[in-house]
């Protein structure tokens, strides 16, 4: 039964949807040694949020194309299996990763504010966290309007904090790291962008495949453990990127 969204409910949804990504953003900015303009960070976060409706339309279009030409019988990836599941999940993952990269490229990486290798990682992560924030809000609105109590909304937000938000951070962080290592090597820039996008898409697809439709608490825990392990690896490479210097000839 649908539930009317009250001011209290909307406040909870906005706070619980925005707070986890903002906390992650604070963590990464605190670790950054090359401080980016605050205006650019805010712009990247907001544009990451604004890109979600466009991404959803693109994913919906892929769903419609797949149904029309008989590649899948349903766009419910939790019930699809084998080829049908991957047919949906791989393009959806690529659309999201390519969209986050495109936003960061348009807003930051093609401009003069891209001054150091670490900037690529920061801007990609910032866009990703904005993207995750809007996803959180939309999911929480759907959960609440579907009749769930606020306690369930908070539980959903907690799962988003340890799962999908970290996934978006790690996936876009991979792209950012790949780009950062080309800062002084523009001749391999395009290669690293595509390599990063492919790795991010594979990770995103694998996460969705593991998490969707898993009824086992152990399976969910193992999936989250993998994501958190990858987050630690990202932190390791983040530190490596901070030390990138131009090679002396």
C-alpha atoms as a PDB file:
ATOM      1  CA  UNK A   1       0.000   0.000   0.000  1.00  0.00           C
ATOM      2  CA  UNK A   2       1.427   3.363  -1.018  1.00  0.00           C
ATOM      3  CA  UNK A   3       2.261   5.801   1.724  1.00  0.00           C
ATOM      4  CA  UNK A   4       2.043   9.592   1.437  1.00  0.00           C
ATOM      5  CA  UNK A   5       5.449  11.210   1.737  1.00  0.00           C
ATOM      6  CA  UNK A   6       5.477  13.486   4.767  1.00  0.00           C
ATOM      7  CA  UNK A   7       7.957  16.265   5.518  1.00  0.00           C
ATOM      8  CA  UNK A   8       9.501  13.994   8.129  1.00  0.00           C
ATOM      9  CA  UNK A   9       9.770  11.144   5.645  1.00  0.00           C
ATOM     10  CA  UNK A  10      11.276  13.364   2.956  1.00  0.00           C
ATOM     11  CA  UNK A  11      13.808  14.733   5.445  1.00  0.00           C
ATOM     12  CA  UNK A  12      14.864  11.234   6.456  1.00  0.00           C
ATOM     13  CA  UNK A  13      15.153  10.136   2.827  1.00  0.00           C
ATOM     14  CA  UNK A  14      17.282  13.154   1.858  1.00  0.00           C
ATOM     15  CA  UNK A  15      19.553  12.930   4.888  1.00  0.00           C
ATOM     16  CA  UNK A  16      20.061   9.160   4.713  1.00  0.00           C
ATOM     17  CA  UNK A  17      20.509   9.299   0.944  1.00  0.00           C
ATOM     18  CA  UNK A  18      23.033  12.128   0.951  1.00  0.00           C
ATOM     19  CA  UNK A  19      24.955  11.533   4.169  1.00  0.00           C
ATOM     20  CA  UNK A  20      26.851   8.324   3.262  1.00  0.00           C
ATOM     21  CA  UNK A  21      28.206   9.701  -0.061  1.00  0.00           C
ATOM     22  CA  UNK A  22      29.098  13.003   1.615  1.00  0.00           C
ATOM     23  CA  UNK A  23      30.980  11.154   4.350  1.00  0.00           C
ATOM     24  CA  UNK A  24      32.910   9.223   1.715  1.00  0.00           C
ATOM     25  CA  UNK A  25      33.624  12.447  -0.147  1.00  0.00           C
ATOM     26  CA  UNK A  26      34.954  14.017   3.048  1.00  0.00           C
ATOM     27  CA  UNK A  27      37.251  11.003   3.521  1.00  0.00           C
ATOM     28  CA  UNK A  28      38.744  11.200   0.024  1.00  0.00           C
ATOM     29  CA  UNK A  29      39.173  14.978   0.110  1.00  0.00           C
ATOM     30  CA  UNK A  30      40.888  14.676   3.490  1.00  0.00           C
ATOM     31  CA  UNK A  31      43.371  12.217   1.972  1.00  0.00           C
ATOM     32  CA  UNK A  32      44.004  14.437  -1.040  1.00  0.00           C
ATOM     33  CA  UNK A  33      47.264  16.393  -0.953  1.00  0.00           C
ATOM     34  CA  UNK A  34      46.441  18.529  -3.994  1.00  0.00           C
ATOM     35  CA  UNK A  35      43.339  20.473  -3.033  1.00  0.00           C
ATOM     36  CA  UNK A  36      40.862  21.018  -5.856  1.00  0.00           C
ATOM     37  CA  UNK A  37      38.634  24.131  -6.034  1.00  0.00           C
ATOM     38  CA  UNK A  38      35.602  23.712  -3.782  1.00  0.00           C
ATOM     39  CA  UNK A  39      33.369  25.034  -6.537  1.00  0.00           C
ATOM     40  CA  UNK A  40      34.600  22.328  -8.923  1.00  0.00           C
ATOM     41  CA  UNK A  41      34.001  19.623  -6.319  1.00  0.00           C
ATOM     42  CA  UNK A  42      30.467  20.847  -5.649  1.00  0.00           C
ATOM     43  CA  UNK A  43      29.753  21.116  -9.376  1.00  0.00           C
ATOM     44  CA  UNK A  44      31.023  17.580 -10.002  1.00  0.00           C
ATOM     45  CA  UNK A  45      28.918  16.151  -7.174  1.00  0.00           C
ATOM     46  CA  UNK A  46      25.748  17.916  -8.369  1.00  0.00           C
ATOM     47  CA  UNK A  47      26.327  16.931 -12.010  1.00  0.00           C
ATOM     48  CA  UNK A  48      26.844  13.337 -10.876  1.00  0.00           C
ATOM     49  CA  UNK A  49      23.408  13.509  -9.233  1.00  0.00           C
ATOM     50  CA  UNK A  50      21.860  15.145 -12.287  1.00  0.00           C
ATOM     51  CA  UNK A  51      23.173  12.432 -14.613  1.00  0.00           C
ATOM     52  CA  UNK A  52      21.115   9.683 -12.964  1.00  0.00           C
ATOM     53  CA  UNK A  53      17.786  10.426 -14.758  1.00  0.00           C
ATOM     54  CA  UNK A  54      19.618  10.443 -18.109  1.00  0.00           C
ATOM     55  CA  UNK A  55      21.280   7.128 -17.288  1.00  0.00           C
ATOM     56  CA  UNK A  56      17.932   5.628 -16.270  1.00  0.00           C
ATOM     57  CA  UNK A  57      16.442   6.694 -19.614  1.00  0.00           C
ATOM     58  CA  UNK A  58      19.341   5.076 -21.476  1.00  0.00           C
ATOM     59  CA  UNK A  59      18.960   1.869 -19.468  1.00  0.00           C
ATOM     60  CA  UNK A  60      15.214   1.917 -20.106  1.00  0.00           C
ATOM     61  CA  UNK A  61      15.894   2.338 -23.828  1.00  0.00           C
ATOM     62  CA  UNK A  62      18.213  -0.697 -23.779  1.00  0.00           C
ATOM     63  CA  UNK A  63      15.494  -2.655 -21.985  1.00  0.00           C
ATOM     64  CA  UNK A  64      12.933  -1.656 -24.629  1.00  0.00           C
ATOM     65  CA  UNK A  65      15.297  -2.591 -27.475  1.00  0.00           C
ATOM     66  CA  UNK A  66      16.041  -5.968 -25.874  1.00  0.00           C
ATOM     67  CA  UNK A  67      12.363  -6.769 -25.375  1.00  0.00           C
ATOM     68  CA  UNK A  68      11.361  -5.646 -28.849  1.00  0.00           C
ATOM     69  CA  UNK A  69      13.888  -7.848 -30.615  1.00  0.00           C
ATOM     70  CA  UNK A  70      13.471 -10.825 -28.312  1.00  0.00           C
ATOM     71  CA  UNK A  71      16.858 -10.861 -26.631  1.00  0.00           C
ATOM     72  CA  UNK A  72      15.149 -11.089 -23.231  1.00  0.00           C
ATOM     73  CA  UNK A  73      11.655 -11.932 -22.034  1.00  0.00           C
ATOM     74  CA  UNK A  74      11.795  -9.551 -19.087  1.00  0.00           C
ATOM     75  CA  UNK A  75      13.992  -6.706 -17.903  1.00  0.00           C
ATOM     76  CA  UNK A  76      13.911  -8.012 -14.333  1.00  0.00           C
ATOM     77  CA  UNK A  77      17.570  -8.975 -13.991  1.00  0.00           C
ATOM     78  CA  UNK A  78      16.868 -10.782 -10.709  1.00  0.00           C
ATOM     79  CA  UNK A  79      14.849 -13.447 -12.539  1.00  0.00           C
ATOM     80  CA  UNK A  80      16.918 -13.602 -15.723  1.00  0.00           C
ATOM     81  CA  UNK A  81      19.718 -16.111 -16.016  1.00  0.00           C
ATOM     82  CA  UNK A  82      22.676 -16.878 -18.238  1.00  0.00           C
ATOM     83  CA  UNK A  83      22.807 -14.918 -21.488  1.00  0.00           C
ATOM     84  CA  UNK A  84      19.698 -12.825 -20.724  1.00  0.00           C
ATOM     85  CA  UNK A  85      21.137 -11.677 -17.399  1.00  0.00           C
ATOM     86  CA  UNK A  86      24.474 -10.625 -18.877  1.00  0.00           C
ATOM     87  CA  UNK A  87      22.723  -9.054 -21.882  1.00  0.00           C
ATOM     88  CA  UNK A  88      21.078  -6.650 -19.437  1.00  0.00           C
ATOM     89  CA  UNK A  89      23.727  -6.235 -16.747  1.00  0.00           C
ATOM     90  CA  UNK A  90      26.820  -5.612 -18.888  1.00  0.00           C
ATOM     91  CA  UNK A  91      25.355  -2.715 -20.953  1.00  0.00           C
ATOM     92  CA  UNK A  92      23.686  -1.225 -17.877  1.00  0.00           C
ATOM     93  CA  UNK A  93      27.006  -1.280 -16.016  1.00  0.00           C
ATOM     94  CA  UNK A  94      28.857   0.226 -18.989  1.00  0.00           C
ATOM     95  CA  UNK A  95      26.242   2.968 -19.395  1.00  0.00           C
ATOM     96  CA  UNK A  96      26.698   3.989 -15.752  1.00  0.00           C
ATOM     97  CA  UNK A  97      30.497   3.888 -15.805  1.00  0.00           C
ATOM     98  CA  UNK A  98      30.765   5.670 -19.155  1.00  0.00           C
ATOM     99  CA  UNK A  99      28.278   8.316 -18.003  1.00  0.00           C
ATOM    100  CA  UNK A 100      30.182   9.043 -14.790  1.00  0.00           C
ATOM    101  CA  UNK A 101      33.423   9.321 -16.757  1.00  0.00           C
ATOM    102  CA  UNK A 102      31.766  11.604 -19.344  1.00  0.00           C
ATOM    103  CA  UNK A 103      30.516  13.947 -16.624  1.00  0.00           C
ATOM    104  CA  UNK A 104      33.963  14.126 -15.006  1.00  0.00           C
ATOM    105  CA  UNK A 105      35.613  14.672 -18.381  1.00  0.00           C
ATOM    106  CA  UNK A 106      33.235  17.426 -19.421  1.00  0.00           C
ATOM    107  CA  UNK A 107      33.199  19.192 -16.054  1.00  0.00           C
ATOM    108  CA  UNK A 108      36.816  18.785 -14.944  1.00  0.00           C
ATOM    109  CA  UNK A 109      39.364  16.723 -16.839  1.00  0.00           C
ATOM    110  CA  UNK A 110      39.311  18.738 -20.064  1.00  0.00           C
ATOM    111  CA  UNK A 111      39.734  22.015 -18.194  1.00  0.00           C
ATOM    112  CA  UNK A 112      42.712  23.815 -16.652  1.00  0.00           C
ATOM    113  CA  UNK A 113      41.639  22.747 -13.141  1.00  0.00           C
ATOM    114  CA  UNK A 114      43.051  19.298 -13.996  1.00  0.00           C
ATOM    115  CA  UNK A 115      46.502  20.149 -12.670  1.00  0.00           C
ATOM    116  CA  UNK A 116      47.868  16.953 -11.090  1.00  0.00           C
ATOM    117  CA  UNK A 117      47.482  13.170 -11.500  1.00  0.00           C
ATOM    118  CA  UNK A 118      45.488  12.821  -8.263  1.00  0.00           C
ATOM    119  CA  UNK A 119      42.857  15.235  -9.614  1.00  0.00           C
ATOM    120  CA  UNK A 120      41.595  12.561 -12.006  1.00  0.00           C
ATOM    121  CA  UNK A 121      40.858  10.196  -9.129  1.00  0.00           C
ATOM    122  CA  UNK A 122      39.225  12.879  -6.984  1.00  0.00           C
ATOM    123  CA  UNK A 123      36.957  14.187  -9.730  1.00  0.00           C
ATOM    124  CA  UNK A 124      35.879  10.700 -10.856  1.00  0.00           C
ATOM    125  CA  UNK A 125      35.120   9.689  -7.276  1.00  0.00           C
ATOM    126  CA  UNK A 126      33.250  12.941  -6.626  1.00  0.00           C
ATOM    127  CA  UNK A 127      31.004  12.425  -9.656  1.00  0.00           C
ATOM    128  CA  UNK A 128      30.467   8.794  -8.622  1.00  0.00           C
ATOM    129  CA  UNK A 129      29.422   9.792  -5.108  1.00  0.00           C
ATOM    130  CA  UNK A 130      26.968  12.339  -6.493  1.00  0.00           C
ATOM    131  CA  UNK A 131      25.592   9.594  -8.735  1.00  0.00           C
ATOM    132  CA  UNK A 132      25.309   7.233  -5.755  1.00  0.00           C
ATOM    133  CA  UNK A 133      23.584   9.919  -3.677  1.00  0.00           C
ATOM    134  CA  UNK A 134      20.810  10.360  -6.252  1.00  0.00           C
ATOM    135  CA  UNK A 135      20.447   6.596  -6.632  1.00  0.00           C
ATOM    136  CA  UNK A 136      20.129   6.352  -2.839  1.00  0.00           C
ATOM    137  CA  UNK A 137      17.440   9.039  -2.726  1.00  0.00           C
ATOM    138  CA  UNK A 138      15.390   7.471  -5.536  1.00  0.00           C
ATOM    139  CA  UNK A 139      15.601   4.005  -3.992  1.00  0.00           C
ATOM    140  CA  UNK A 140      14.695   5.291  -0.533  1.00  0.00           C
ATOM    141  CA  UNK A 141      11.757   7.265  -1.938  1.00  0.00           C
ATOM    142  CA  UNK A 142      10.534   4.097  -3.647  1.00  0.00           C
ATOM    143  CA  UNK A 143      10.981   2.096  -0.436  1.00  0.00           C
ATOM    144  CA  UNK A 144       9.127   4.630   1.683  1.00  0.00           C
ATOM    145  CA  UNK A 145       6.294   5.281  -0.765  1.00  0.00           C
ATOM    146  CA  UNK A 146       5.878   1.531  -1.083  1.00  0.00           C
ATOM    147  CA  UNK A 147       4.615   1.393   2.475  1.00  0.00           C
ATOM    148  CA  UNK A 148       7.825   0.634   4.339  1.00  0.00           C
ATOM    149  CA  UNK A 149       8.387   2.234   7.722  1.00  0.00           C
ATOM    150  CA  UNK A 150      11.207   4.690   8.320  1.00  0.00           C
ATOM    151  CA  UNK A 151      13.188   1.978  10.111  1.00  0.00           C
ATOM    152  CA  UNK A 152      13.209  -0.058   6.891  1.00  0.00           C
ATOM    153  CA  UNK A 153      14.327   3.020   4.985  1.00  0.00           C
ATOM    154  CA  UNK A 154      17.256   3.423   7.368  1.00  0.00           C
ATOM    155  CA  UNK A 155      18.156  -0.258   6.979  1.00  0.00           C
ATOM    156  CA  UNK A 156      18.133   0.145   3.198  1.00  0.00           C
ATOM    157  CA  UNK A 157      20.361   3.213   3.493  1.00  0.00           C
ATOM    158  CA  UNK A 158      22.807   1.228   5.616  1.00  0.00           C
ATOM    159  CA  UNK A 159      23.061  -1.475   2.950  1.00  0.00           C
ATOM    160  CA  UNK A 160      23.605   1.194   0.303  1.00  0.00           C
ATOM    161  CA  UNK A 161      26.406   2.661   2.442  1.00  0.00           C
ATOM    162  CA  UNK A 162      28.341  -0.599   2.603  1.00  0.00           C
ATOM    163  CA  UNK A 163      27.450  -1.837  -0.862  1.00  0.00           C
ATOM    164  CA  UNK A 164      26.420   0.224  -3.850  1.00  0.00           C
ATOM    165  CA  UNK A 165      27.999   3.503  -2.694  1.00  0.00           C
ATOM    166  CA  UNK A 166      31.343   1.765  -2.208  1.00  0.00           C
ATOM    167  CA  UNK A 167      30.907   0.030  -5.565  1.00  0.00           C
ATOM    168  CA  UNK A 168      30.442   3.332  -7.405  1.00  0.00           C
ATOM    169  CA  UNK A 169      33.441   4.786  -5.585  1.00  0.00           C
ATOM    170  CA  UNK A 170      35.713   1.870  -6.423  1.00  0.00           C
ATOM    171  CA  UNK A 171      34.548   1.506 -10.030  1.00  0.00           C
ATOM    172  CA  UNK A 172      35.028   5.189 -10.866  1.00  0.00           C
ATOM    173  CA  UNK A 173      38.203   5.237  -8.791  1.00  0.00           C
ATOM    174  CA  UNK A 174      39.608   2.544 -11.081  1.00  0.00           C
ATOM    175  CA  UNK A 175      38.947   4.768 -14.095  1.00  0.00           C
ATOM    176  CA  UNK A 176      40.471   7.735 -12.271  1.00  0.00           C
ATOM    177  CA  UNK A 177      43.632   5.804 -11.375  1.00  0.00           C
ATOM    178  CA  UNK A 178      43.980   4.579 -14.964  1.00  0.00           C
ATOM    179  CA  UNK A 179      43.783   8.167 -16.216  1.00  0.00           C
ATOM    180  CA  UNK A 180      46.108   9.486 -13.502  1.00  0.00           C
ATOM    181  CA  UNK A 181      48.952   7.238 -14.639  1.00  0.00           C
ATOM    182  CA  UNK A 182      48.780   8.886 -18.080  1.00  0.00           C
ATOM    183  CA  UNK A 183      49.092  12.458 -16.782  1.00  0.00           C
ATOM    184  CA  UNK A 184      52.689  12.677 -18.014  1.00  0.00           C
ATOM    185  CA  UNK A 185      52.092  10.185 -20.871  1.00  0.00           C
ATOM    186  CA  UNK A 186      49.315  11.564 -23.109  1.00  0.00           C
ATOM    187  CA  UNK A 187      50.234   9.083 -25.845  1.00  0.00           C
ATOM    188  CA  UNK A 188      48.529   6.281 -23.872  1.00  0.00           C
ATOM    189  CA  UNK A 189      45.670   8.391 -22.541  1.00  0.00           C
ATOM    190  CA  UNK A 190      42.916   6.863 -24.696  1.00  0.00           C
ATOM    191  CA  UNK A 191      44.148   3.325 -24.049  1.00  0.00           C
ATOM    192  CA  UNK A 192      44.028   3.793 -20.295  1.00  0.00           C
ATOM    193  CA  UNK A 193      40.582   5.397 -20.392  1.00  0.00           C
ATOM    194  CA  UNK A 194      39.146   2.399 -22.220  1.00  0.00           C
ATOM    195  CA  UNK A 195      41.055  -0.016 -20.009  1.00  0.00           C
ATOM    196  CA  UNK A 196      39.696   1.669 -16.895  1.00  0.00           C
ATOM    197  CA  UNK A 197      36.138   1.681 -18.244  1.00  0.00           C
ATOM    198  CA  UNK A 198      36.336  -2.013 -19.125  1.00  0.00           C
ATOM    199  CA  UNK A 199      37.662  -2.935 -15.668  1.00  0.00           C
ATOM    200  CA  UNK A 200      35.003  -0.785 -13.992  1.00  0.00           C
ATOM    201  CA  UNK A 201      32.265  -2.383 -16.116  1.00  0.00           C
ATOM    202  CA  UNK A 202      33.450  -5.903 -15.267  1.00  0.00           C
ATOM    203  CA  UNK A 203      33.522  -5.071 -11.550  1.00  0.00           C
ATOM    204  CA  UNK A 204      30.108  -3.398 -11.673  1.00  0.00           C
ATOM    205  CA  UNK A 205      28.582  -6.326 -13.570  1.00  0.00           C
ATOM    206  CA  UNK A 206      30.099  -8.885 -11.208  1.00  0.00           C
ATOM    207  CA  UNK A 207      28.760  -7.004  -8.168  1.00  0.00           C
ATOM    208  CA  UNK A 208      25.249  -6.782  -9.631  1.00  0.00           C
ATOM    209  CA  UNK A 209      25.318 -10.432 -10.653  1.00  0.00           C
ATOM    210  CA  UNK A 210      26.349 -11.502  -7.161  1.00  0.00           C
ATOM    211  CA  UNK A 211      24.029  -9.239  -5.197  1.00  0.00           C
ATOM    212  CA  UNK A 212      20.806  -9.416  -7.236  1.00  0.00           C
ATOM    213  CA  UNK A 213      18.526 -12.166  -6.086  1.00  0.00           C
ATOM    214  CA  UNK A 214      20.862 -13.540  -3.404  1.00  0.00           C
ATOM    215  CA  UNK A 215      18.819 -14.785  -0.515  1.00  0.00           C
ATOM    216  CA  UNK A 216      21.763 -15.963   1.534  1.00  0.00           C
ATOM    217  CA  UNK A 217      23.170 -13.634   4.156  1.00  0.00           C
ATOM    218  CA  UNK A 218      26.566 -15.242   3.656  1.00  0.00           C
ATOM    219  CA  UNK A 219      26.485 -14.483  -0.086  1.00  0.00           C
ATOM    220  CA  UNK A 220      25.691 -10.840   0.573  1.00  0.00           C
ATOM    221  CA  UNK A 221      28.423 -10.651   3.209  1.00  0.00           C
ATOM    222  CA  UNK A 222      30.980 -12.201   0.854  1.00  0.00           C
ATOM    223  CA  UNK A 223      30.038  -9.752  -1.897  1.00  0.00           C
ATOM    224  CA  UNK A 224      30.428  -6.784   0.429  1.00  0.00           C
ATOM    225  CA  UNK A 225      33.727  -8.219   1.700  1.00  0.00           C
ATOM    226  CA  UNK A 226      35.045  -8.300  -1.869  1.00  0.00           C
ATOM    227  CA  UNK A 227      33.957  -4.693  -2.462  1.00  0.00           C
ATOM    228  CA  UNK A 228      35.584  -3.496   0.762  1.00  0.00           C
ATOM    229  CA  UNK A 229      38.777  -5.369  -0.156  1.00  0.00           C
ATOM    230  CA  UNK A 230      38.774  -3.587  -3.506  1.00  0.00           C
ATOM    231  CA  UNK A 231      38.232  -0.292  -1.668  1.00  0.00           C
ATOM    232  CA  UNK A 232      41.408  -0.941   0.321  1.00  0.00           C
ATOM    233  CA  UNK A 233      43.248  -1.694  -2.915  1.00  0.00           C
ATOM    234  CA  UNK A 234      41.933   1.599  -4.334  1.00  0.00           C
ATOM    235  CA  UNK A 235      43.294   3.424  -1.284  1.00  0.00           C
ATOM    236  CA  UNK A 236      46.684   1.787  -1.953  1.00  0.00           C
ATOM    237  CA  UNK A 237      46.705   3.009  -5.567  1.00  0.00           C
ATOM    238  CA  UNK A 238      45.420   6.392  -4.419  1.00  0.00           C
ATOM    239  CA  UNK A 239      48.608   6.741  -2.386  1.00  0.00           C
ATOM    240  CA  UNK A 240      50.677   5.615  -5.364  1.00  0.00           C
ATOM    241  CA  UNK A 241      49.047   8.232  -7.590  1.00  0.00           C
ATOM    242  CA  UNK A 242      49.860  10.971  -5.066  1.00  0.00           C
ATOM    243  CA  UNK A 243      53.536  10.198  -5.585  1.00  0.00           C
ATOM    244  CA  UNK A 244      53.544  10.264  -9.401  1.00  0.00           C
ATOM    245  CA  UNK A 245      56.212  12.652 -10.670  1.00  0.00           C
ATOM    246  CA  UNK A 246      57.409  13.530 -14.179  1.00  0.00           C
ATOM    247  CA  UNK A 247      60.242  11.302 -15.314  1.00  0.00           C
ATOM    248  CA  UNK A 248      63.604  13.011 -15.582  1.00  0.00           C
ATOM    249  CA  UNK A 249      65.261  12.734 -18.947  1.00  0.00           C
END
